[in-house]
Amino acid sequence: MRTVVIGLGLLMVVMFALVLAKLFSAMQGHETSEAAPDKTTVFTLAPGAKIVSTEVQNDRLVLHIRNISGDEIDIIDTESGRLVGQVKSAAPSK
């Protein structure tokens, strides 16, 4: 019985050390990701287009763009910089 208690005690100490090591590793990972080099993404607008408004929701940038052919909403992933969705409207009839 004494051996079982000693073995379980040692197992608990090892598991606690692993939890602390994982926690320390996760904290280190956050610091290095914040210090990562800046990633620049180029998003080209059509000639004559203007950004009417911008909004950020979770990890998405939502752009309201107005141009000659009508309005559009572009949804961009802020992590990768890629266009994930687009909604276009027709130009107003005259």
PDB file of N, CA and C in Angstrom:
ATOM      1  N   MET A   1       0.818  -1.182   0.000  1.00  0.00           N
ATOM      2  CA  MET A   1       0.000   0.000   0.000  1.00  0.00           C
ATOM      3  C   MET A   1       0.870   1.257   0.000  1.00  0.00           C
ATOM      4  N   ARG A   2       1.967   1.194   0.769  1.00  0.00           N
ATOM      5  CA  ARG A   2       2.869   2.330   0.828  1.00  0.00           C
ATOM      6  C   ARG A   2       3.442   2.622  -0.553  1.00  0.00           C
ATOM      7  N   THR A   3       3.767   1.609  -1.318  1.00  0.00           N
ATOM      8  CA  THR A   3       4.331   1.771  -2.661  1.00  0.00           C
ATOM      9  C   THR A   3       3.323   2.430  -3.597  1.00  0.00           C
ATOM     10  N   VAL A   4       2.078   2.048  -3.492  1.00  0.00           N
ATOM     11  CA  VAL A   4       1.033   2.631  -4.331  1.00  0.00           C
ATOM     12  C   VAL A   4       0.879   4.123  -4.019  1.00  0.00           C
ATOM     13  N   VAL A   5       0.866   4.460  -2.732  1.00  0.00           N
ATOM     14  CA  VAL A   5       0.712   5.868  -2.332  1.00  0.00           C
ATOM     15  C   VAL A   5       1.903   6.686  -2.810  1.00  0.00           C
ATOM     16  N   ILE A   6       3.116   6.170  -2.662  1.00  0.00           N
ATOM     17  CA  ILE A   6       4.318   6.882  -3.112  1.00  0.00           C
ATOM     18  C   ILE A   6       4.291   7.033  -4.638  1.00  0.00           C
ATOM     19  N   GLY A   7       3.900   5.971  -5.332  1.00  0.00           N
ATOM     20  CA  GLY A   7       3.832   6.011  -6.802  1.00  0.00           C
ATOM     21  C   GLY A   7       2.814   7.032  -7.288  1.00  0.00           C
ATOM     22  N   LEU A   8       1.635   7.058  -6.673  1.00  0.00           N
ATOM     23  CA  LEU A   8       0.613   8.034  -7.055  1.00  0.00           C
ATOM     24  C   LEU A   8       1.044   9.460  -6.714  1.00  0.00           C
ATOM     25  N   GLY A   9       1.730   9.646  -5.619  1.00  0.00           N
ATOM     26  CA  GLY A   9       2.247  10.969  -5.241  1.00  0.00           C
ATOM     27  C   GLY A   9       3.253  11.468  -6.263  1.00  0.00           C
ATOM     28  N   LEU A  10       4.162  10.578  -6.672  1.00  0.00           N
ATOM     29  CA  LEU A  10       5.154  10.953  -7.688  1.00  0.00           C
ATOM     30  C   LEU A  10       4.470  11.261  -9.023  1.00  0.00           C
ATOM     31  N   LEU A  11       3.456  10.481  -9.374  1.00  0.00           N
ATOM     32  CA  LEU A  11       2.724  10.714 -10.612  1.00  0.00           C
ATOM     33  C   LEU A  11       2.039  12.083 -10.590  1.00  0.00           C
ATOM     34  N   MET A  12       1.485  12.446  -9.437  1.00  0.00           N
ATOM     35  CA  MET A  12       0.841  13.758  -9.322  1.00  0.00           C
ATOM     36  C   MET A  12       1.854  14.886  -9.473  1.00  0.00           C
ATOM     37  N   VAL A  13       3.039  14.718  -8.890  1.00  0.00           N
ATOM     38  CA  VAL A  13       4.084  15.741  -9.013  1.00  0.00           C
ATOM     39  C   VAL A  13       4.515  15.889 -10.475  1.00  0.00           C
ATOM     40  N   VAL A  14       4.686  14.776 -11.171  1.00  0.00           N
ATOM     41  CA  VAL A  14       5.089  14.812 -12.585  1.00  0.00           C
ATOM     42  C   VAL A  14       4.005  15.476 -13.430  1.00  0.00           C
ATOM     43  N   MET A  15       2.743  15.124 -13.202  1.00  0.00           N
ATOM     44  CA  MET A  15       1.641  15.719 -13.968  1.00  0.00           C
ATOM     45  C   MET A  15       1.549  17.226 -13.701  1.00  0.00           C
ATOM     46  N   PHE A  16       1.724  17.652 -12.473  1.00  0.00           N
ATOM     47  CA  PHE A  16       1.693  19.074 -12.141  1.00  0.00           C
ATOM     48  C   PHE A  16       2.826  19.803 -12.856  1.00  0.00           C
ATOM     49  N   ALA A  17       4.006  19.192 -12.903  1.00  0.00           N
ATOM     50  CA  ALA A  17       5.147  19.792 -13.607  1.00  0.00           C
ATOM     51  C   ALA A  17       4.853  19.912 -15.106  1.00  0.00           C
ATOM     52  N   LEU A  18       4.192  18.906 -15.689  1.00  0.00           N
ATOM     53  CA  LEU A  18       3.841  18.969 -17.105  1.00  0.00           C
ATOM     54  C   LEU A  18       2.822  20.085 -17.380  1.00  0.00           C
ATOM     55  N   VAL A  19       1.860  20.248 -16.485  1.00  0.00           N
ATOM     56  CA  VAL A  19       0.872  21.325 -16.643  1.00  0.00           C
ATOM     57  C   VAL A  19       1.564  22.680 -16.575  1.00  0.00           C
ATOM     58  N   LEU A  20       2.464  22.857 -15.623  1.00  0.00           N
ATOM     59  CA  LEU A  20       3.201  24.117 -15.524  1.00  0.00           C
ATOM     60  C   LEU A  20       4.071  24.358 -16.757  1.00  0.00           C
ATOM     61  N   ALA A  21       4.706  23.324 -17.263  1.00  0.00           N
ATOM     62  CA  ALA A  21       5.542  23.465 -18.463  1.00  0.00           C
ATOM     63  C   ALA A  21       4.695  23.859 -19.669  1.00  0.00           C
ATOM     64  N   LYS A  22       3.520  23.259 -19.821  1.00  0.00           N
ATOM     65  CA  LYS A  22       2.621  23.590 -20.931  1.00  0.00           C
ATOM     66  C   LYS A  22       2.127  25.028 -20.808  1.00  0.00           C
ATOM     67  N   LEU A  23       1.779  25.435 -19.602  1.00  0.00           N
ATOM     68  CA  LEU A  23       1.331  26.799 -19.358  1.00  0.00           C
ATOM     69  C   LEU A  23       2.438  27.798 -19.686  1.00  0.00           C
ATOM     70  N   PHE A  24       3.640  27.521 -19.246  1.00  0.00           N
ATOM     71  CA  PHE A  24       4.772  28.393 -19.530  1.00  0.00           C
ATOM     72  C   PHE A  24       5.045  28.447 -21.030  1.00  0.00           C
ATOM     73  N   SER A  25       4.953  27.316 -21.695  1.00  0.00           N
ATOM     74  CA  SER A  25       5.170  27.259 -23.143  1.00  0.00           C
ATOM     75  C   SER A  25       4.117  28.071 -23.888  1.00  0.00           C
ATOM     76  N   ALA A  26       2.863  27.987 -23.468  1.00  0.00           N
ATOM     77  CA  ALA A  26       1.795  28.751 -24.119  1.00  0.00           C
ATOM     78  C   ALA A  26       2.003  30.248 -23.912  1.00  0.00           C
ATOM     79  N   MET A  27       2.453  30.648 -22.739  1.00  0.00           N
ATOM     80  CA  MET A  27       2.700  32.064 -22.483  1.00  0.00           C
ATOM     81  C   MET A  27       3.857  32.568 -23.331  1.00  0.00           C
ATOM     82  N   GLN A  28       4.861  31.770 -23.523  1.00  0.00           N
ATOM     83  CA  GLN A  28       5.992  32.154 -24.359  1.00  0.00           C
ATOM     84  C   GLN A  28       5.567  32.296 -25.812  1.00  0.00           C
ATOM     85  N   GLY A  29       4.681  31.407 -26.271  1.00  0.00           N
ATOM     86  CA  GLY A  29       4.201  31.453 -27.648  1.00  0.00           C
ATOM     87  C   GLY A  29       3.446  32.726 -27.943  1.00  0.00           C
ATOM     88  N   HIS A  30       2.657  33.234 -26.977  1.00  0.00           N
ATOM     89  CA  HIS A  30       1.913  34.475 -27.183  1.00  0.00           C
ATOM     90  C   HIS A  30       2.842  35.660 -27.323  1.00  0.00           C
ATOM     91  N   GLU A  31       3.876  35.707 -26.524  1.00  0.00           N
ATOM     92  CA  GLU A  31       4.805  36.827 -26.598  1.00  0.00           C
ATOM     93  C   GLU A  31       5.523  36.855 -27.936  1.00  0.00           C
ATOM     94  N   THR A  32       5.910  35.696 -28.453  1.00  0.00           N
ATOM     95  CA  THR A  32       6.622  35.681 -29.725  1.00  0.00           C
ATOM     96  C   THR A  32       5.690  35.984 -30.882  1.00  0.00           C
ATOM     97  N   SER A  33       4.407  35.594 -30.792  1.00  0.00           N
ATOM     98  CA  SER A  33       3.494  35.873 -31.893  1.00  0.00           C
ATOM     99  C   SER A  33       3.183  37.364 -31.976  1.00  0.00           C
ATOM    100  N   GLU A  34       3.158  38.057 -30.842  1.00  0.00           N
ATOM    101  CA  GLU A  34       2.923  39.494 -30.867  1.00  0.00           C
ATOM    102  C   GLU A  34       4.121  40.230 -31.443  1.00  0.00           C
ATOM    103  N   ALA A  35       5.304  39.683 -31.282  1.00  0.00           N
ATOM    104  CA  ALA A  35       6.506  40.321 -31.789  1.00  0.00           C
ATOM    105  C   ALA A  35       6.836  39.878 -33.211  1.00  0.00           C
ATOM    106  N   ALA A  36       5.951  39.121 -33.833  1.00  0.00           N
ATOM    107  CA  ALA A  36       6.188  38.634 -35.186  1.00  0.00           C
ATOM    108  C   ALA A  36       6.227  39.806 -36.158  1.00  0.00           C
ATOM    109  N   PRO A  37       6.962  39.662 -37.256  1.00  0.00           N
ATOM    110  CA  PRO A  37       7.035  40.744 -38.220  1.00  0.00           C
ATOM    111  C   PRO A  37       5.674  41.064 -38.823  1.00  0.00           C
ATOM    112  N   ASP A  38       5.492  42.319 -39.178  1.00  0.00           N
ATOM    113  CA  ASP A  38       4.228  42.791 -39.735  1.00  0.00           C
ATOM    114  C   ASP A  38       4.004  42.201 -41.119  1.00  0.00           C
ATOM    115  N   LYS A  39       2.804  41.631 -41.347  1.00  0.00           N
ATOM    116  CA  LYS A  39       2.437  41.097 -42.658  1.00  0.00           C
ATOM    117  C   LYS A  39       1.582  42.144 -43.350  1.00  0.00           C
ATOM    118  N   THR A  40       2.004  42.579 -44.513  1.00  0.00           N
ATOM    119  CA  THR A  40       1.264  43.579 -45.264  1.00  0.00           C
ATOM    120  C   THR A  40       0.569  42.913 -46.431  1.00  0.00           C
ATOM    121  N   THR A  41      -0.714  43.207 -46.586  1.00  0.00           N
ATOM    122  CA  THR A  41      -1.497  42.688 -47.697  1.00  0.00           C
ATOM    123  C   THR A  41      -1.992  43.872 -48.510  1.00  0.00           C
ATOM    124  N   VAL A  42      -1.855  43.780 -49.822  1.00  0.00           N
ATOM    125  CA  VAL A  42      -2.304  44.847 -50.701  1.00  0.00           C
ATOM    126  C   VAL A  42      -3.677  44.488 -51.246  1.00  0.00           C
ATOM    127  N   PHE A  43      -4.626  45.383 -51.072  1.00  0.00           N
ATOM    128  CA  PHE A  43      -5.985  45.207 -51.564  1.00  0.00           C
ATOM    129  C   PHE A  43      -6.244  46.364 -52.515  1.00  0.00           C
ATOM    130  N   THR A  44      -6.336  46.076 -53.812  1.00  0.00           N
ATOM    131  CA  THR A  44      -6.454  47.111 -54.828  1.00  0.00           C
ATOM    132  C   THR A  44      -7.914  47.378 -55.150  1.00  0.00           C
ATOM    133  N   LEU A  45      -8.286  48.655 -55.122  1.00  0.00           N
ATOM    134  CA  LEU A  45      -9.631  49.068 -55.485  1.00  0.00           C
ATOM    135  C   LEU A  45      -9.694  49.373 -56.974  1.00  0.00           C
ATOM    136  N   ALA A  46     -10.882  49.254 -57.545  1.00  0.00           N
ATOM    137  CA  ALA A  46     -11.088  49.600 -58.952  1.00  0.00           C
ATOM    138  C   ALA A  46     -10.905  51.107 -59.116  1.00  0.00           C
ATOM    139  N   PRO A  47     -10.522  51.558 -60.312  1.00  0.00           N
ATOM    140  CA  PRO A  47     -10.376  53.002 -60.531  1.00  0.00           C
ATOM    141  C   PRO A  47     -11.684  53.728 -60.237  1.00  0.00           C
ATOM    142  N   GLY A  48     -11.599  54.800 -59.474  1.00  0.00           N
ATOM    143  CA  GLY A  48     -12.772  55.587 -59.120  1.00  0.00           C
ATOM    144  C   GLY A  48     -13.534  55.066 -57.913  1.00  0.00           C
ATOM    145  N   ALA A  49     -13.140  53.936 -57.363  1.00  0.00           N
ATOM    146  CA  ALA A  49     -13.830  53.367 -56.200  1.00  0.00           C
ATOM    147  C   ALA A  49     -13.379  54.079 -54.930  1.00  0.00           C
ATOM    148  N   LYS A  50     -14.300  54.174 -53.978  1.00  0.00           N
ATOM    149  CA  LYS A  50     -14.000  54.805 -52.691  1.00  0.00           C
ATOM    150  C   LYS A  50     -14.530  53.928 -51.570  1.00  0.00           C
ATOM    151  N   ILE A  51     -13.777  53.871 -50.484  1.00  0.00           N
ATOM    152  CA  ILE A  51     -14.227  53.143 -49.302  1.00  0.00           C
ATOM    153  C   ILE A  51     -15.173  54.055 -48.528  1.00  0.00           C
ATOM    154  N   VAL A  52     -16.418  53.618 -48.385  1.00  0.00           N
ATOM    155  CA  VAL A  52     -17.431  54.399 -47.689  1.00  0.00           C
ATOM    156  C   VAL A  52     -17.333  54.190 -46.181  1.00  0.00           C
ATOM    157  N   SER A  53     -17.165  52.921 -45.754  1.00  0.00           N
ATOM    158  CA  SER A  53     -17.039  52.627 -44.330  1.00  0.00           C
ATOM    159  C   SER A  53     -16.284  51.323 -44.135  1.00  0.00           C
ATOM    160  N   THR A  54     -15.775  51.167 -42.935  1.00  0.00           N
ATOM    161  CA  THR A  54     -15.084  49.933 -42.553  1.00  0.00           C
ATOM    162  C   THR A  54     -15.613  49.488 -41.202  1.00  0.00           C
ATOM    163  N   GLU A  55     -15.535  48.181 -40.965  1.00  0.00           N
ATOM    164  CA  GLU A  55     -15.975  47.612 -39.700  1.00  0.00           C
ATOM    165  C   GLU A  55     -15.183  46.336 -39.462  1.00  0.00           C
ATOM    166  N   VAL A  56     -14.829  46.087 -38.223  1.00  0.00           N
ATOM    167  CA  VAL A  56     -14.119  44.861 -37.868  1.00  0.00           C
ATOM    168  C   VAL A  56     -15.031  44.033 -36.983  1.00  0.00           C
ATOM    169  N   GLN A  57     -15.218  42.751 -37.367  1.00  0.00           N
ATOM    170  CA  GLN A  57     -16.017  41.815 -36.591  1.00  0.00           C
ATOM    171  C   GLN A  57     -15.222  40.529 -36.455  1.00  0.00           C
ATOM    172  N   ASN A  58     -14.909  40.164 -35.229  1.00  0.00           N
ATOM    173  CA  ASN A  58     -14.081  38.989 -34.930  1.00  0.00           C
ATOM    174  C   ASN A  58     -12.783  39.084 -35.722  1.00  0.00           C
ATOM    175  N   ASP A  59     -12.523  38.175 -36.630  1.00  0.00           N
ATOM    176  CA  ASP A  59     -11.287  38.218 -37.413  1.00  0.00           C
ATOM    177  C   ASP A  59     -11.576  38.584 -38.871  1.00  0.00           C
ATOM    178  N   ARG A  60     -12.586  39.437 -39.082  1.00  0.00           N
ATOM    179  CA  ARG A  60     -12.974  39.848 -40.431  1.00  0.00           C
ATOM    180  C   ARG A  60     -13.009  41.373 -40.518  1.00  0.00           C
ATOM    181  N   LEU A  61     -12.528  41.895 -41.639  1.00  0.00           N
ATOM    182  CA  LEU A  61     -12.622  43.308 -41.960  1.00  0.00           C
ATOM    183  C   LEU A  61     -13.706  43.453 -43.016  1.00  0.00           C
ATOM    184  N   VAL A  62     -14.712  44.274 -42.745  1.00  0.00           N
ATOM    185  CA  VAL A  62     -15.825  44.466 -43.671  1.00  0.00           C
ATOM    186  C   VAL A  62     -15.699  45.865 -44.271  1.00  0.00           C
ATOM    187  N   LEU A  63     -15.549  45.924 -45.600  1.00  0.00           N
ATOM    188  CA  LEU A  63     -15.400  47.187 -46.318  1.00  0.00           C
ATOM    189  C   LEU A  63     -16.649  47.462 -47.139  1.00  0.00           C
ATOM    190  N   HIS A  64     -17.221  48.652 -47.005  1.00  0.00           N
ATOM    191  CA  HIS A  64     -18.316  49.098 -47.874  1.00  0.00           C
ATOM    192  C   HIS A  64     -17.659  49.994 -48.919  1.00  0.00           C
ATOM    193  N   ILE A  65     -17.720  49.567 -50.183  1.00  0.00           N
ATOM    194  CA  ILE A  65     -17.041  50.266 -51.271  1.00  0.00           C
ATOM    195  C   ILE A  65     -18.080  50.750 -52.268  1.00  0.00           C
ATOM    196  N   ARG A  66     -17.910  51.986 -52.731  1.00  0.00           N
ATOM    197  CA  ARG A  66     -18.807  52.555 -53.740  1.00  0.00           C
ATOM    198  C   ARG A  66     -17.977  52.889 -54.975  1.00  0.00           C
ATOM    199  N   ASN A  67     -18.460  52.424 -56.142  1.00  0.00           N
ATOM    200  CA  ASN A  67     -17.810  52.760 -57.397  1.00  0.00           C
ATOM    201  C   ASN A  67     -18.860  53.005 -58.472  1.00  0.00           C
ATOM    202  N   ILE A  68     -18.420  53.217 -59.710  1.00  0.00           N
ATOM    203  CA  ILE A  68     -19.322  53.560 -60.802  1.00  0.00           C
ATOM    204  C   ILE A  68     -20.348  52.459 -61.052  1.00  0.00           C
ATOM    205  N   SER A  69     -19.934  51.222 -60.941  1.00  0.00           N
ATOM    206  CA  SER A  69     -20.830  50.109 -61.247  1.00  0.00           C
ATOM    207  C   SER A  69     -21.778  49.772 -60.101  1.00  0.00           C
ATOM    208  N   GLY A  70     -21.670  50.431 -58.959  1.00  0.00           N
ATOM    209  CA  GLY A  70     -22.556  50.176 -57.828  1.00  0.00           C
ATOM    210  C   GLY A  70     -21.789  50.004 -56.530  1.00  0.00           C
ATOM    211  N   ASP A  71     -22.479  49.613 -55.497  1.00  0.00           N
ATOM    212  CA  ASP A  71     -21.854  49.395 -54.192  1.00  0.00           C
ATOM    213  C   ASP A  71     -21.474  47.932 -54.033  1.00  0.00           C
ATOM    214  N   GLU A  72     -20.501  47.693 -53.168  1.00  0.00           N
ATOM    215  CA  GLU A  72     -20.128  46.315 -52.836  1.00  0.00           C
ATOM    216  C   GLU A  72     -19.653  46.255 -51.404  1.00  0.00           C
ATOM    217  N   ILE A  73     -19.798  45.089 -50.821  1.00  0.00           N
ATOM    218  CA  ILE A  73     -19.299  44.799 -49.479  1.00  0.00           C
ATOM    219  C   ILE A  73     -18.233  43.714 -49.646  1.00  0.00           C
ATOM    220  N   ASP A  74     -17.023  44.008 -49.195  1.00  0.00           N
ATOM    221  CA  ASP A  74     -15.935  43.036 -49.253  1.00  0.00           C
ATOM    222  C   ASP A  74     -15.607  42.595 -47.829  1.00  0.00           C
ATOM    223  N   ILE A  75     -15.486  41.294 -47.633  1.00  0.00           N
ATOM    224  CA  ILE A  75     -15.158  40.734 -46.322  1.00  0.00           C
ATOM    225  C   ILE A  75     -13.782  40.095 -46.430  1.00  0.00           C
ATOM    226  N   ILE A  76     -12.856  40.585 -45.608  1.00  0.00           N
ATOM    227  CA  ILE A  76     -11.457  40.164 -45.689  1.00  0.00           C
ATOM    228  C   ILE A  76     -11.049  39.526 -44.371  1.00  0.00           C
ATOM    229  N   ASP A  77     -10.350  38.388 -44.451  1.00  0.00           N
ATOM    230  CA  ASP A  77      -9.805  37.712 -43.278  1.00  0.00           C
ATOM    231  C   ASP A  77      -8.599  38.509 -42.792  1.00  0.00           C
ATOM    232  N   THR A  78      -8.628  38.961 -41.532  1.00  0.00           N
ATOM    233  CA  THR A  78      -7.535  39.792 -41.032  1.00  0.00           C
ATOM    234  C   THR A  78      -6.258  39.002 -40.777  1.00  0.00           C
ATOM    235  N   GLU A  79      -6.358  37.698 -40.600  1.00  0.00           N
ATOM    236  CA  GLU A  79      -5.162  36.884 -40.381  1.00  0.00           C
ATOM    237  C   GLU A  79      -4.384  36.661 -41.674  1.00  0.00           C
ATOM    238  N   SER A  80      -5.087  36.259 -42.731  1.00  0.00           N
ATOM    239  CA  SER A  80      -4.416  35.918 -43.987  1.00  0.00           C
ATOM    240  C   SER A  80      -4.436  37.050 -44.998  1.00  0.00           C
ATOM    241  N   GLY A  81      -5.386  37.996 -44.862  1.00  0.00           N
ATOM    242  CA  GLY A  81      -5.500  39.091 -45.814  1.00  0.00           C
ATOM    243  C   GLY A  81      -6.240  38.722 -47.081  1.00  0.00           C
ATOM    244  N   ARG A  82      -6.832  37.543 -47.128  1.00  0.00           N
ATOM    245  CA  ARG A  82      -7.524  37.128 -48.354  1.00  0.00           C
ATOM    246  C   ARG A  82      -8.996  37.513 -48.299  1.00  0.00           C
ATOM    247  N   LEU A  83      -9.562  37.704 -49.475  1.00  0.00           N
ATOM    248  CA  LEU A  83     -10.976  38.040 -49.612  1.00  0.00           C
ATOM    249  C   LEU A  83     -11.791  36.773 -49.382  1.00  0.00           C
ATOM    250  N   VAL A  84     -12.683  36.782 -48.378  1.00  0.00           N
ATOM    251  CA  VAL A  84     -13.471  35.587 -48.063  1.00  0.00           C
ATOM    252  C   VAL A  84     -14.918  35.708 -48.504  1.00  0.00           C
ATOM    253  N   GLY A  85     -15.363  36.917 -48.818  1.00  0.00           N
ATOM    254  CA  GLY A  85     -16.739  37.088 -49.278  1.00  0.00           C
ATOM    255  C   GLY A  85     -16.915  38.438 -49.941  1.00  0.00           C
ATOM    256  N   GLN A  86     -17.886  38.491 -50.847  1.00  0.00           N
ATOM    257  CA  GLN A  86     -18.139  39.737 -51.558  1.00  0.00           C
ATOM    258  C   GLN A  86     -19.603  39.790 -51.963  1.00  0.00           C
ATOM    259  N   VAL A  87     -20.239  40.939 -51.733  1.00  0.00           N
ATOM    260  CA  VAL A  87     -21.616  41.172 -52.126  1.00  0.00           C
ATOM    261  C   VAL A  87     -21.619  42.421 -52.984  1.00  0.00           C
ATOM    262  N   LYS A  88     -22.169  42.309 -54.208  1.00  0.00           N
ATOM    263  CA  LYS A  88     -22.192  43.460 -55.114  1.00  0.00           C
ATOM    264  C   LYS A  88     -23.634  43.827 -55.432  1.00  0.00           C
ATOM    265  N   SER A  89     -23.851  45.125 -55.606  1.00  0.00           N
ATOM    266  CA  SER A  89     -25.164  45.595 -56.049  1.00  0.00           C
ATOM    267  C   SER A  89     -24.992  46.267 -57.406  1.00  0.00           C
ATOM    268  N   ALA A  90     -26.074  46.308 -58.167  1.00  0.00           N
ATOM    269  CA  ALA A  90     -26.024  46.924 -59.475  1.00  0.00           C
ATOM    270  C   ALA A  90     -26.010  48.442 -59.330  1.00  0.00           C
ATOM    271  N   ALA A  91     -25.518  49.113 -60.370  1.00  0.00           N
ATOM    272  CA  ALA A  91     -25.497  50.574 -60.376  1.00  0.00           C
ATOM    273  C   ALA A  91     -26.932  51.089 -60.414  1.00  0.00           C
ATOM    274  N   PRO A  92     -27.180  52.215 -59.754  1.00  0.00           N
ATOM    275  CA  PRO A  92     -28.542  52.748 -59.784  1.00  0.00           C
ATOM    276  C   PRO A  92     -28.935  53.130 -61.195  1.00  0.00           C
ATOM    277  N   SER A  93     -30.183  52.812 -61.592  1.00  0.00           N
ATOM    278  CA  SER A  93     -30.635  53.155 -62.936  1.00  0.00           C
ATOM    279  C   SER A  93     -31.007  54.623 -62.996  1.00  0.00           C
ATOM    280  N   LYS A  94     -30.735  55.179 -64.139  1.00  0.00           N
ATOM    281  CA  LYS A  94     -30.983  56.627 -64.319  1.00  0.00           C
ATOM    282  C   LYS A  94     -32.170  56.864 -65.183  1.00  0.00           C
TER     283      LYS A  94
END
